[in-house]
Each structure stands twice: as C-alpha cells, then as structure tokens.
C-alpha cells in the first residue's frame, strides 16, 4: 500500500470499498457532508493532495478514491470493463458504501468525465457538481471534429492501438506519462513524481489507464449521444486557461445540457493541472460552492 506520510494535512484514513464486483481504494479525511474527489489521467487520489486537508478543515468529509484500474483499485481485464457507465456506477456505489445517500462531487480530467456521467446517470446521488478541466461529453465530441482539438487529443487515438501504447509508456522510466505532467507550475518534485511512478507501476495499471481511452474511442457516437441527459445538479466549472490538451472553448457546456450551471470560473495562466497550479484558489472555489450543503447553509 502506498504510504500517505507526505500528505499535507494529517488525519488521513485509508480503506477499501467493495462496490459491485470491484474494490476501490480510497483515502478519507474529516467529518461532515460528503465530498467525493475524482482524479484524472494519469493521476490517482494523490492528485487532490492539496485540497483534501483544507476541505476537511472546512467541515467536510472528503473521500478521494483511486478510480477503477488505477493504483490500488481493481483492474478488470478487457476494454469493456472501462465503459463510462460502469465507472459512474462505481462512484454511485462508493457514495452509498461510505454511508451517504448523496454527495458533493468534484472531478478533474477523466474524473470530470466520470463526474458528468454520475450526474447524468445517477442524479439522485449528486447534490452539487464541480468540474475541473473536463469538457461536457457533447462539447468534447463536437471538439474532436475540429482539427485544432484533434491535434491536442492525438493520444486518444494512439492509445487505441493494440499493445504498442503499453510498450511506449513503460519505456525510459515512464517518460510518456511523466511528459503529460510537464506543464504543472510549480513543476512536480522528484518525490511527487516518484509517487506517480509507484502508482503507474502497480500490476495491470498501465493497461487499465489506457483502456479508458480505448473504451471511449470505440463507443459509437450515436450510443454516446443517446446516453446524454440534462444535469440537474447545480454545477461549477473551473478551467485552467492554459490547458495544453483541451481548448478553452470546451469549458462552457450547452445550456440545455447543464441548465443549473452556476458559472464557468476561468483561471488565466493555469495549466490542465489547475488544482495543482492554483491549489488555494481551487480549494476556495470548491469550499464556497459546496458551502450550501453545510448545516445552516443556504441553497
């Protein structure tokens, strides 16, 4: 098990949740209304290290899982095991396994894609939704029809190749995955990078992480569109404007898709790793947005 010694904030609890036929590793801190933080690619729960402690201190019970396939969570075989509906069902079941009927949900990157799906497929478990640099699926699909976004998203299609991506990502001490993190400001320290390498090195993790993309690009567009539902929960979008992978035009969802959009908060100068680059600002935005769930909070 990964050590949590270098987690800033203390009071971190680790556990495993049995959700359906999967076992999700998670870390947890604090007491109060449940906040679930979903990491993206190629991170794991540790990507939220700068938010967990402050949110717990603000009166929330924070749970940050490794989503299926990542780090210490279950890694089902085959691409079919990473269908977005299954990823969303994991989080619905995690919320219930942790003893809550519903939660405040935040997701970054792939965690944001999962969060969108949870809010669409299981609206009863999402009280408020915060999305960090993760386009609504309709926006992303439309974006991938434009050459500029296609160039940014080239790795979606590279990852769909058989076997080759696994060989490439393992090469040169995980250079390919490390390269994705290069935009972070300040740069990840060697110690932080080592934490990621340990997670990537878990048996089966690299293939599982790549299978998220394989599943996504192999889903027929009509099937993906048929799965879209209006998001009922109040929604905040936080967007690092210097995202190398997603254009700023993807930040704002269509009004019909997210009728309860609170706002899109754009952070100039922040990269795709907005919760790292602007950690204090992101934490404050989340704390304020989730505050109505606190006892005595006004909705």
C-alpha atoms as a PDB file:
ATOM      1  CA  UNK A   1       0.000   0.000   0.000  1.00  0.00           C
ATOM      2  CA  UNK A   2       1.206   3.466  -0.791  1.00  0.00           C
ATOM      3  CA  UNK A   3       2.324   5.431   2.212  1.00  0.00           C
ATOM      4  CA  UNK A   4       0.417   8.608   2.962  1.00  0.00           C
ATOM      5  CA  UNK A   5       3.250  10.083   5.051  1.00  0.00           C
ATOM      6  CA  UNK A   6       3.893  13.027   2.764  1.00  0.00           C
ATOM      7  CA  UNK A   7       0.252  14.024   2.600  1.00  0.00           C
ATOM      8  CA  UNK A   8      -0.033  17.586   3.830  1.00  0.00           C
ATOM      9  CA  UNK A   9      -2.839  17.942   6.338  1.00  0.00           C
ATOM     10  CA  UNK A  10      -2.694  14.842   8.503  1.00  0.00           C
ATOM     11  CA  UNK A  11      -5.684  12.873   9.716  1.00  0.00           C
ATOM     12  CA  UNK A  12      -5.851  10.799   6.560  1.00  0.00           C
ATOM     13  CA  UNK A  13      -7.619   7.429   6.714  1.00  0.00           C
ATOM     14  CA  UNK A  14      -7.158   4.741   4.065  1.00  0.00           C
ATOM     15  CA  UNK A  15      -9.580   1.997   3.153  1.00  0.00           C
ATOM     16  CA  UNK A  16     -11.125  -0.213   0.505  1.00  0.00           C
ATOM     17  CA  UNK A  17     -14.752  -0.136  -0.611  1.00  0.00           C
ATOM     18  CA  UNK A  18     -16.427  -3.166  -2.154  1.00  0.00           C
ATOM     19  CA  UNK A  19     -18.601  -1.725  -4.918  1.00  0.00           C
ATOM     20  CA  UNK A  20     -20.343  -4.294  -7.070  1.00  0.00           C
ATOM     21  CA  UNK A  21     -17.619  -6.613  -8.354  1.00  0.00           C
ATOM     22  CA  UNK A  22     -14.876  -4.020  -7.881  1.00  0.00           C
ATOM     23  CA  UNK A  23     -12.724  -2.995  -4.947  1.00  0.00           C
ATOM     24  CA  UNK A  24     -11.881   0.703  -4.797  1.00  0.00           C
ATOM     25  CA  UNK A  25      -9.032   2.013  -2.704  1.00  0.00           C
ATOM     26  CA  UNK A  26      -9.691   5.438  -1.197  1.00  0.00           C
ATOM     27  CA  UNK A  27      -8.384   7.946   1.288  1.00  0.00           C
ATOM     28  CA  UNK A  28     -10.686   9.850   3.602  1.00  0.00           C
ATOM     29  CA  UNK A  29     -10.433  12.821   5.952  1.00  0.00           C
ATOM     30  CA  UNK A  30     -12.732  14.973   8.044  1.00  0.00           C
ATOM     31  CA  UNK A  31     -16.361  14.834   9.112  1.00  0.00           C
ATOM     32  CA  UNK A  32     -19.453  16.483   7.683  1.00  0.00           C
ATOM     33  CA  UNK A  33     -21.235  16.481   4.319  1.00  0.00           C
ATOM     34  CA  UNK A  34     -19.589  14.010   1.949  1.00  0.00           C
ATOM     35  CA  UNK A  35     -17.311  15.382  -0.775  1.00  0.00           C
ATOM     36  CA  UNK A  36     -16.019  12.886  -3.355  1.00  0.00           C
ATOM     37  CA  UNK A  37     -12.960  13.939  -5.384  1.00  0.00           C
ATOM     38  CA  UNK A  38     -12.314  12.079  -8.650  1.00  0.00           C
ATOM     39  CA  UNK A  39      -8.813  12.244 -10.140  1.00  0.00           C
ATOM     40  CA  UNK A  40      -7.946  12.212 -13.818  1.00  0.00           C
ATOM     41  CA  UNK A  41      -5.295  10.675 -16.065  1.00  0.00           C
ATOM     42  CA  UNK A  42      -2.514   9.868 -15.276  1.00  0.00           C
ATOM     43  CA  UNK A  43      -3.019  10.659 -11.582  1.00  0.00           C
ATOM     44  CA  UNK A  44      -4.598   8.818  -8.635  1.00  0.00           C
ATOM     45  CA  UNK A  45      -6.103  10.017  -5.348  1.00  0.00           C
ATOM     46  CA  UNK A  46      -2.850  11.880  -4.642  1.00  0.00           C
ATOM     47  CA  UNK A  47      -3.697  14.421  -7.341  1.00  0.00           C
ATOM     48  CA  UNK A  48      -6.077  16.003  -4.806  1.00  0.00           C
ATOM     49  CA  UNK A  49      -3.474  16.147  -2.020  1.00  0.00           C
ATOM     50  CA  UNK A  50      -3.659  19.954  -1.776  1.00  0.00           C
ATOM     51  CA  UNK A  51      -7.458  20.021  -1.462  1.00  0.00           C
ATOM     52  CA  UNK A  52      -8.179  17.121   0.907  1.00  0.00           C
ATOM     53  CA  UNK A  53      -6.901  18.673   4.130  1.00  0.00           C
ATOM     54  CA  UNK A  54      -8.362  22.163   3.643  1.00  0.00           C
ATOM     55  CA  UNK A  55     -11.772  20.769   2.646  1.00  0.00           C
ATOM     56  CA  UNK A  56     -11.753  18.521   5.719  1.00  0.00           C
ATOM     57  CA  UNK A  57     -10.781  21.511   7.864  1.00  0.00           C
ATOM     58  CA  UNK A  58     -13.701  23.443   6.341  1.00  0.00           C
ATOM     59  CA  UNK A  59     -16.138  20.894   7.737  1.00  0.00           C
ATOM     60  CA  UNK A  60     -16.472  18.291   5.016  1.00  0.00           C
ATOM     61  CA  UNK A  61     -15.915  14.554   4.971  1.00  0.00           C
ATOM     62  CA  UNK A  62     -13.645  14.065   1.978  1.00  0.00           C
ATOM     63  CA  UNK A  63     -13.255  10.777   0.109  1.00  0.00           C
ATOM     64  CA  UNK A  64     -10.752  10.572  -2.762  1.00  0.00           C
ATOM     65  CA  UNK A  65     -10.765   7.154  -4.450  1.00  0.00           C
ATOM     66  CA  UNK A  66      -8.458   5.587  -6.964  1.00  0.00           C
ATOM     67  CA  UNK A  67     -10.950   5.016  -9.783  1.00  0.00           C
ATOM     68  CA  UNK A  68     -11.081   1.506 -11.188  1.00  0.00           C
ATOM     69  CA  UNK A  69      -7.893   0.489 -12.941  1.00  0.00           C
ATOM     70  CA  UNK A  70      -5.735   2.991 -11.071  1.00  0.00           C
ATOM     71  CA  UNK A  71      -3.133   2.489  -8.349  1.00  0.00           C
ATOM     72  CA  UNK A  72      -4.559   0.140  -5.695  1.00  0.00           C
ATOM     73  CA  UNK A  73      -8.097  -0.300  -7.029  1.00  0.00           C
ATOM     74  CA  UNK A  74      -9.389  -3.304  -9.004  1.00  0.00           C
ATOM     75  CA  UNK A  75      -8.200  -3.626 -12.587  1.00  0.00           C
ATOM     76  CA  UNK A  76     -10.722  -5.631 -14.605  1.00  0.00           C
ATOM     77  CA  UNK A  77      -9.456  -7.293 -17.761  1.00  0.00           C
ATOM     78  CA  UNK A  78     -10.597  -6.122 -21.154  1.00  0.00           C
ATOM     79  CA  UNK A  79     -11.646  -2.812 -22.613  1.00  0.00           C
ATOM     80  CA  UNK A  80     -15.340  -3.404 -21.827  1.00  0.00           C
ATOM     81  CA  UNK A  81     -14.582  -3.069 -18.106  1.00  0.00           C
ATOM     82  CA  UNK A  82     -13.882   0.661 -18.551  1.00  0.00           C
ATOM     83  CA  UNK A  83     -17.173   1.734 -20.085  1.00  0.00           C
ATOM     84  CA  UNK A  84     -18.168   5.137 -18.721  1.00  0.00           C
ATOM     85  CA  UNK A  85     -21.446   3.756 -17.346  1.00  0.00           C
ATOM     86  CA  UNK A  86     -19.518   1.260 -15.222  1.00  0.00           C
ATOM     87  CA  UNK A  87     -17.120   3.947 -13.998  1.00  0.00           C
ATOM     88  CA  UNK A  88     -20.104   6.099 -12.992  1.00  0.00           C
ATOM     89  CA  UNK A  89     -21.842   3.214 -11.236  1.00  0.00           C
ATOM     90  CA  UNK A  90     -18.687   2.649  -9.180  1.00  0.00           C
ATOM     91  CA  UNK A  91     -18.965   6.167  -7.772  1.00  0.00           C
ATOM     92  CA  UNK A  92     -22.705   5.860  -7.082  1.00  0.00           C
ATOM     93  CA  UNK A  93     -21.961   2.670  -5.150  1.00  0.00           C
ATOM     94  CA  UNK A  94     -18.970   4.230  -3.373  1.00  0.00           C
ATOM     95  CA  UNK A  95     -21.160   7.074  -2.075  1.00  0.00           C
ATOM     96  CA  UNK A  96     -23.594   4.544  -0.665  1.00  0.00           C
ATOM     97  CA  UNK A  97     -20.853   2.280   0.666  1.00  0.00           C
ATOM     98  CA  UNK A  98     -19.492   5.241   2.612  1.00  0.00           C
ATOM     99  CA  UNK A  99     -22.900   5.525   4.277  1.00  0.00           C
ATOM    100  CA  UNK A 100     -24.285   8.542   2.413  1.00  0.00           C
ATOM    101  CA  UNK A 101     -27.357   8.915   0.224  1.00  0.00           C
ATOM    102  CA  UNK A 102     -25.731  11.617  -1.890  1.00  0.00           C
ATOM    103  CA  UNK A 103     -22.553  13.661  -2.134  1.00  0.00           C
ATOM    104  CA  UNK A 104     -20.874  16.797  -3.378  1.00  0.00           C
ATOM    105  CA  UNK A 105     -18.888  15.637  -6.386  1.00  0.00           C
ATOM    106  CA  UNK A 106     -15.771  17.132  -7.963  1.00  0.00           C
ATOM    107  CA  UNK A 107     -13.812  15.669 -10.849  1.00  0.00           C
ATOM    108  CA  UNK A 108     -10.733  16.643 -12.857  1.00  0.00           C
ATOM    109  CA  UNK A 109      -9.940  15.415 -16.380  1.00  0.00           C
ATOM    110  CA  UNK A 110     -11.176  11.787 -16.631  1.00  0.00           C
ATOM    111  CA  UNK A 111     -12.531  12.188 -13.113  1.00  0.00           C
ATOM    112  CA  UNK A 112     -14.569  15.069 -14.511  1.00  0.00           C
ATOM    113  CA  UNK A 113     -15.852  12.848 -17.319  1.00  0.00           C
ATOM    114  CA  UNK A 114     -16.906  10.288 -14.734  1.00  0.00           C
ATOM    115  CA  UNK A 115     -18.497  13.036 -12.635  1.00  0.00           C
ATOM    116  CA  UNK A 116     -20.527  14.233 -15.643  1.00  0.00           C
ATOM    117  CA  UNK A 117     -21.716  10.648 -16.154  1.00  0.00           C
ATOM    118  CA  UNK A 118     -22.624  10.164 -12.482  1.00  0.00           C
ATOM    119  CA  UNK A 119     -24.661  13.382 -12.558  1.00  0.00           C
ATOM    120  CA  UNK A 120     -26.463  12.257 -15.734  1.00  0.00           C
ATOM    121  CA  UNK A 121     -26.963   8.563 -14.888  1.00  0.00           C
ATOM    122  CA  UNK A 122     -27.487   8.787 -11.128  1.00  0.00           C
ATOM    123  CA  UNK A 123     -28.743  12.301 -10.358  1.00  0.00           C
ATOM    124  CA  UNK A 124     -30.099  11.204  -7.009  1.00  0.00           C
ATOM    125  CA  UNK A 125     -26.575  10.849  -5.576  1.00  0.00           C
ATOM    126  CA  UNK A 126     -25.176  14.229  -6.730  1.00  0.00           C
ATOM    127  CA  UNK A 127     -26.097  17.306  -4.677  1.00  0.00           C
ATOM    128  CA  UNK A 128     -23.664  19.702  -6.330  1.00  0.00           C
ATOM    129  CA  UNK A 129     -21.167  19.137  -9.145  1.00  0.00           C
ATOM    130  CA  UNK A 130     -17.766  20.756  -9.700  1.00  0.00           C
ATOM    131  CA  UNK A 131     -15.852  20.059 -12.919  1.00  0.00           C
ATOM    132  CA  UNK A 132     -12.175  20.908 -13.439  1.00  0.00           C
ATOM    133  CA  UNK A 133     -10.817  20.935 -16.999  1.00  0.00           C
ATOM    134  CA  UNK A 134     -13.126  18.230 -18.277  1.00  0.00           C
ATOM    135  CA  UNK A 135     -15.375  19.067 -21.197  1.00  0.00           C
ATOM    136  CA  UNK A 136     -19.005  18.017 -21.125  1.00  0.00           C
ATOM    137  CA  UNK A 137     -19.200  14.938 -23.396  1.00  0.00           C
ATOM    138  CA  UNK A 138     -21.277  16.739 -26.039  1.00  0.00           C
ATOM    139  CA  UNK A 139     -18.713  19.551 -26.187  1.00  0.00           C
ATOM    140  CA  UNK A 140     -15.795  17.130 -26.336  1.00  0.00           C
ATOM    141  CA  UNK A 141     -17.404  15.124 -29.127  1.00  0.00           C
ATOM    142  CA  UNK A 142     -18.014  18.297 -31.122  1.00  0.00           C
ATOM    143  CA  UNK A 143     -14.485  19.495 -30.404  1.00  0.00           C
ATOM    144  CA  UNK A 144     -12.992  16.307 -31.813  1.00  0.00           C
ATOM    145  CA  UNK A 145     -14.468  17.245 -35.201  1.00  0.00           C
ATOM    146  CA  UNK A 146     -12.182  20.284 -35.341  1.00  0.00           C
ATOM    147  CA  UNK A 147      -8.540  19.953 -36.454  1.00  0.00           C
ATOM    148  CA  UNK A 148      -7.197  22.107 -33.615  1.00  0.00           C
ATOM    149  CA  UNK A 149      -8.724  19.950 -30.890  1.00  0.00           C
ATOM    150  CA  UNK A 150      -7.879  16.750 -32.773  1.00  0.00           C
ATOM    151  CA  UNK A 151      -4.216  17.764 -32.683  1.00  0.00           C
ATOM    152  CA  UNK A 152      -4.452  18.323 -28.927  1.00  0.00           C
ATOM    153  CA  UNK A 153      -6.181  14.958 -28.453  1.00  0.00           C
ATOM    154  CA  UNK A 154      -3.944  12.838 -30.687  1.00  0.00           C
ATOM    155  CA  UNK A 155      -3.134  10.464 -27.808  1.00  0.00           C
ATOM    156  CA  UNK A 156      -6.814   9.393 -27.581  1.00  0.00           C
ATOM    157  CA  UNK A 157      -6.293   7.572 -30.858  1.00  0.00           C
ATOM    158  CA  UNK A 158      -2.720   6.459 -30.198  1.00  0.00           C
ATOM    159  CA  UNK A 159      -3.940   4.718 -27.043  1.00  0.00           C
ATOM    160  CA  UNK A 160      -6.491   2.756 -29.094  1.00  0.00           C
ATOM    161  CA  UNK A 161      -3.714   0.797 -30.796  1.00  0.00           C
ATOM    162  CA  UNK A 162      -3.105  -2.735 -29.502  1.00  0.00           C
ATOM    163  CA  UNK A 163      -0.012  -3.361 -27.338  1.00  0.00           C
ATOM    164  CA  UNK A 164       2.152  -0.526 -28.664  1.00  0.00           C
ATOM    165  CA  UNK A 165       0.946   2.080 -26.126  1.00  0.00           C
ATOM    166  CA  UNK A 166       1.864  -0.203 -23.228  1.00  0.00           C
ATOM    167  CA  UNK A 167       5.382  -0.629 -24.593  1.00  0.00           C
ATOM    168  CA  UNK A 168       5.768   3.107 -25.131  1.00  0.00           C
ATOM    169  CA  UNK A 169       4.522   4.229 -21.711  1.00  0.00           C
ATOM    170  CA  UNK A 170       6.802   1.825 -19.837  1.00  0.00           C
ATOM    171  CA  UNK A 171       9.888   2.978 -21.767  1.00  0.00           C
ATOM    172  CA  UNK A 172      12.518   5.288 -20.290  1.00  0.00           C
ATOM    173  CA  UNK A 173      11.222   5.184 -16.737  1.00  0.00           C
ATOM    174  CA  UNK A 174       7.629   6.118 -17.677  1.00  0.00           C
ATOM    175  CA  UNK A 175       8.725   9.112 -19.760  1.00  0.00           C
ATOM    176  CA  UNK A 176       5.472   9.176 -21.746  1.00  0.00           C
ATOM    177  CA  UNK A 177       3.270   9.514 -18.650  1.00  0.00           C
ATOM    178  CA  UNK A 178       5.720  11.875 -16.958  1.00  0.00           C
ATOM    179  CA  UNK A 179       5.584  14.066 -20.075  1.00  0.00           C
ATOM    180  CA  UNK A 180       1.854  14.647 -19.525  1.00  0.00           C
ATOM    181  CA  UNK A 181       2.614  16.297 -16.189  1.00  0.00           C
ATOM    182  CA  UNK A 182       5.271  18.671 -17.542  1.00  0.00           C
ATOM    183  CA  UNK A 183       3.015  21.740 -17.666  1.00  0.00           C
ATOM    184  CA  UNK A 184       2.410  21.827 -13.915  1.00  0.00           C
ATOM    185  CA  UNK A 185       3.503  25.066 -12.262  1.00  0.00           C
ATOM    186  CA  UNK A 186       5.388  24.669  -9.999  1.00  0.00           C
ATOM    187  CA  UNK A 187       6.828  21.518 -11.516  1.00  0.00           C
ATOM    188  CA  UNK A 188       6.174  18.289  -9.673  1.00  0.00           C
ATOM    189  CA  UNK A 189       9.042  17.472  -7.330  1.00  0.00           C
ATOM    190  CA  UNK A 190      11.057  14.264  -7.778  1.00  0.00           C
ATOM    191  CA  UNK A 191       9.345  12.902  -4.671  1.00  0.00           C
ATOM    192  CA  UNK A 192       5.894  13.660  -6.068  1.00  0.00           C
ATOM    193  CA  UNK A 193       6.817  12.158  -9.429  1.00  0.00           C
ATOM    194  CA  UNK A 194       8.001   9.022  -7.651  1.00  0.00           C
ATOM    195  CA  UNK A 195       4.557   8.710  -6.073  1.00  0.00           C
ATOM    196  CA  UNK A 196       3.025   8.697  -9.533  1.00  0.00           C
ATOM    197  CA  UNK A 197       5.557   6.184 -10.841  1.00  0.00           C
ATOM    198  CA  UNK A 198       4.729   3.846  -7.963  1.00  0.00           C
ATOM    199  CA  UNK A 199       1.037   4.078  -8.870  1.00  0.00           C
ATOM    200  CA  UNK A 200       1.678   3.522 -12.589  1.00  0.00           C
ATOM    201  CA  UNK A 201       3.857   0.527 -11.745  1.00  0.00           C
ATOM    202  CA  UNK A 202       1.083  -1.389  -9.983  1.00  0.00           C
ATOM    203  CA  UNK A 203       0.445  -4.649 -11.885  1.00  0.00           C
ATOM    204  CA  UNK A 204      -2.013  -4.037 -14.703  1.00  0.00           C
ATOM    205  CA  UNK A 205      -2.366  -0.309 -14.045  1.00  0.00           C
ATOM    206  CA  UNK A 206      -0.853   0.961 -17.307  1.00  0.00           C
ATOM    207  CA  UNK A 207      -3.149  -1.145 -19.471  1.00  0.00           C
ATOM    208  CA  UNK A 208      -6.150  -0.202 -17.340  1.00  0.00           C
ATOM    209  CA  UNK A 209      -5.381   3.515 -17.657  1.00  0.00           C
ATOM    210  CA  UNK A 210      -5.027   3.173 -21.426  1.00  0.00           C
ATOM    211  CA  UNK A 211      -8.267   1.156 -21.589  1.00  0.00           C
ATOM    212  CA  UNK A 212     -10.219   4.244 -20.518  1.00  0.00           C
ATOM    213  CA  UNK A 213      -9.288   5.767 -23.874  1.00  0.00           C
ATOM    214  CA  UNK A 214      -9.836   2.568 -25.825  1.00  0.00           C
ATOM    215  CA  UNK A 215     -13.330   2.238 -24.414  1.00  0.00           C
ATOM    216  CA  UNK A 216     -14.092   5.887 -25.136  1.00  0.00           C
ATOM    217  CA  UNK A 217     -12.987   5.981 -28.767  1.00  0.00           C
ATOM    218  CA  UNK A 218     -14.658   2.628 -29.519  1.00  0.00           C
ATOM    219  CA  UNK A 219     -18.046   3.771 -28.250  1.00  0.00           C
ATOM    220  CA  UNK A 220     -20.280   4.505 -31.275  1.00  0.00           C
ATOM    221  CA  UNK A 221     -21.126   8.226 -31.386  1.00  0.00           C
ATOM    222  CA  UNK A 222     -24.877   7.546 -31.557  1.00  0.00           C
ATOM    223  CA  UNK A 223     -24.627   5.388 -28.444  1.00  0.00           C
ATOM    224  CA  UNK A 224     -22.678   8.089 -26.618  1.00  0.00           C
ATOM    225  CA  UNK A 225     -25.181  10.775 -27.607  1.00  0.00           C
ATOM    226  CA  UNK A 226     -28.136   8.619 -26.578  1.00  0.00           C
ATOM    227  CA  UNK A 227     -26.639   8.397 -23.070  1.00  0.00           C
ATOM    228  CA  UNK A 228     -26.675  12.172 -22.555  1.00  0.00           C
ATOM    229  CA  UNK A 229     -29.155  13.589 -20.030  1.00  0.00           C
ATOM    230  CA  UNK A 230     -29.547  17.115 -18.658  1.00  0.00           C
ATOM    231  CA  UNK A 231     -27.511  17.582 -15.470  1.00  0.00           C
ATOM    232  CA  UNK A 232     -29.897  18.604 -12.699  1.00  0.00           C
ATOM    233  CA  UNK A 233     -27.343  19.431 -10.011  1.00  0.00           C
ATOM    234  CA  UNK A 234     -26.007  22.966  -9.550  1.00  0.00           C
ATOM    235  CA  UNK A 235     -22.728  22.915 -11.452  1.00  0.00           C
ATOM    236  CA  UNK A 236     -19.477  24.869 -11.230  1.00  0.00           C
ATOM    237  CA  UNK A 237     -16.849  24.567 -13.968  1.00  0.00           C
ATOM    238  CA  UNK A 238     -13.269  25.541 -13.064  1.00  0.00           C
ATOM    239  CA  UNK A 239     -10.957  25.881 -16.071  1.00  0.00           C
ATOM    240  CA  UNK A 240      -7.217  26.413 -16.317  1.00  0.00           C
ATOM    241  CA  UNK A 241      -6.982  28.562 -19.439  1.00  0.00           C
ATOM    242  CA  UNK A 242      -3.502  27.337 -20.458  1.00  0.00           C
ATOM    243  CA  UNK A 243      -4.640  23.733 -20.872  1.00  0.00           C
ATOM    244  CA  UNK A 244      -2.442  22.051 -23.484  1.00  0.00           C
ATOM    245  CA  UNK A 245      -4.952  19.242 -24.042  1.00  0.00           C
ATOM    246  CA  UNK A 246      -8.370  20.919 -24.084  1.00  0.00           C
ATOM    247  CA  UNK A 247      -9.154  24.212 -25.813  1.00  0.00           C
ATOM    248  CA  UNK A 248     -10.772  26.968 -23.728  1.00  0.00           C
ATOM    249  CA  UNK A 249     -13.834  26.869 -25.997  1.00  0.00           C
ATOM    250  CA  UNK A 250     -14.700  23.473 -24.473  1.00  0.00           C
ATOM    251  CA  UNK A 251     -15.161  24.826 -20.960  1.00  0.00           C
ATOM    252  CA  UNK A 252     -18.749  26.051 -21.192  1.00  0.00           C
ATOM    253  CA  UNK A 253     -21.415  23.366 -21.574  1.00  0.00           C
ATOM    254  CA  UNK A 254     -24.579  23.901 -23.607  1.00  0.00           C
ATOM    255  CA  UNK A 255     -27.366  25.478 -21.504  1.00  0.00           C
ATOM    256  CA  UNK A 256     -29.773  22.645 -22.290  1.00  0.00           C
ATOM    257  CA  UNK A 257     -27.240  20.091 -21.059  1.00  0.00           C
ATOM    258  CA  UNK A 258     -26.482  21.888 -17.786  1.00  0.00           C
ATOM    259  CA  UNK A 259     -29.489  24.075 -17.006  1.00  0.00           C
ATOM    260  CA  UNK A 260     -28.305  24.672 -13.426  1.00  0.00           C
ATOM    261  CA  UNK A 261     -24.830  25.923 -14.371  1.00  0.00           C
ATOM    262  CA  UNK A 262     -23.612  28.251 -11.626  1.00  0.00           C
ATOM    263  CA  UNK A 263     -20.752  29.637 -13.704  1.00  0.00           C
ATOM    264  CA  UNK A 264     -17.514  28.869 -15.518  1.00  0.00           C
ATOM    265  CA  UNK A 265     -14.569  30.135 -13.477  1.00  0.00           C
ATOM    266  CA  UNK A 266     -11.597  30.571 -15.810  1.00  0.00           C
ATOM    267  CA  UNK A 267      -8.145  30.777 -14.221  1.00  0.00           C
ATOM    268  CA  UNK A 268      -5.666  32.563 -16.539  1.00  0.00           C
ATOM    269  CA  UNK A 269      -2.164  31.147 -16.511  1.00  0.00           C
ATOM    270  CA  UNK A 270      -3.215  27.794 -15.025  1.00  0.00           C
ATOM    271  CA  UNK A 271      -2.458  24.631 -16.963  1.00  0.00           C
ATOM    272  CA  UNK A 272      -4.541  21.471 -17.290  1.00  0.00           C
ATOM    273  CA  UNK A 273      -3.360  20.716 -13.732  1.00  0.00           C
ATOM    274  CA  UNK A 274      -5.396  23.616 -12.382  1.00  0.00           C
ATOM    275  CA  UNK A 275      -5.858  22.105  -8.898  1.00  0.00           C
ATOM    276  CA  UNK A 276      -2.060  21.903  -8.594  1.00  0.00           C
ATOM    277  CA  UNK A 277      -1.162  25.234 -10.223  1.00  0.00           C
ATOM    278  CA  UNK A 278      -3.832  27.240  -8.397  1.00  0.00           C
ATOM    279  CA  UNK A 279      -4.328  24.967  -5.395  1.00  0.00           C
ATOM    280  CA  UNK A 280      -5.503  27.602  -2.913  1.00  0.00           C
ATOM    281  CA  UNK A 281      -7.851  29.255  -5.384  1.00  0.00           C
ATOM    282  CA  UNK A 282      -9.390  25.926  -6.440  1.00  0.00           C
ATOM    283  CA  UNK A 283      -9.816  24.874  -2.822  1.00  0.00           C
ATOM    284  CA  UNK A 284     -11.577  28.141  -2.008  1.00  0.00           C
ATOM    285  CA  UNK A 285     -13.840  27.844  -5.039  1.00  0.00           C
ATOM    286  CA  UNK A 286     -14.823  24.311  -4.025  1.00  0.00           C
ATOM    287  CA  UNK A 287     -15.313  25.275  -0.377  1.00  0.00           C
ATOM    288  CA  UNK A 288     -17.572  28.182  -1.289  1.00  0.00           C
ATOM    289  CA  UNK A 289     -19.531  26.233  -3.884  1.00  0.00           C
ATOM    290  CA  UNK A 290     -20.114  23.299  -1.534  1.00  0.00           C
ATOM    291  CA  UNK A 291     -20.941  25.525   1.476  1.00  0.00           C
ATOM    292  CA  UNK A 292     -24.740  25.347   0.970  1.00  0.00           C
ATOM    293  CA  UNK A 293     -24.569  21.672   1.952  1.00  0.00           C
ATOM    294  CA  UNK A 294     -23.253  22.585   5.384  1.00  0.00           C
ATOM    295  CA  UNK A 295     -25.719  22.705   8.303  1.00  0.00           C
ATOM    296  CA  UNK A 296     -27.340  26.126   8.132  1.00  0.00           C
ATOM    297  CA  UNK A 297     -26.039  26.740   4.601  1.00  0.00           C
ATOM    298  CA  UNK A 298     -28.399  28.471   2.204  1.00  0.00           C
ATOM    299  CA  UNK A 299     -29.102  26.857  -1.151  1.00  0.00           C
END
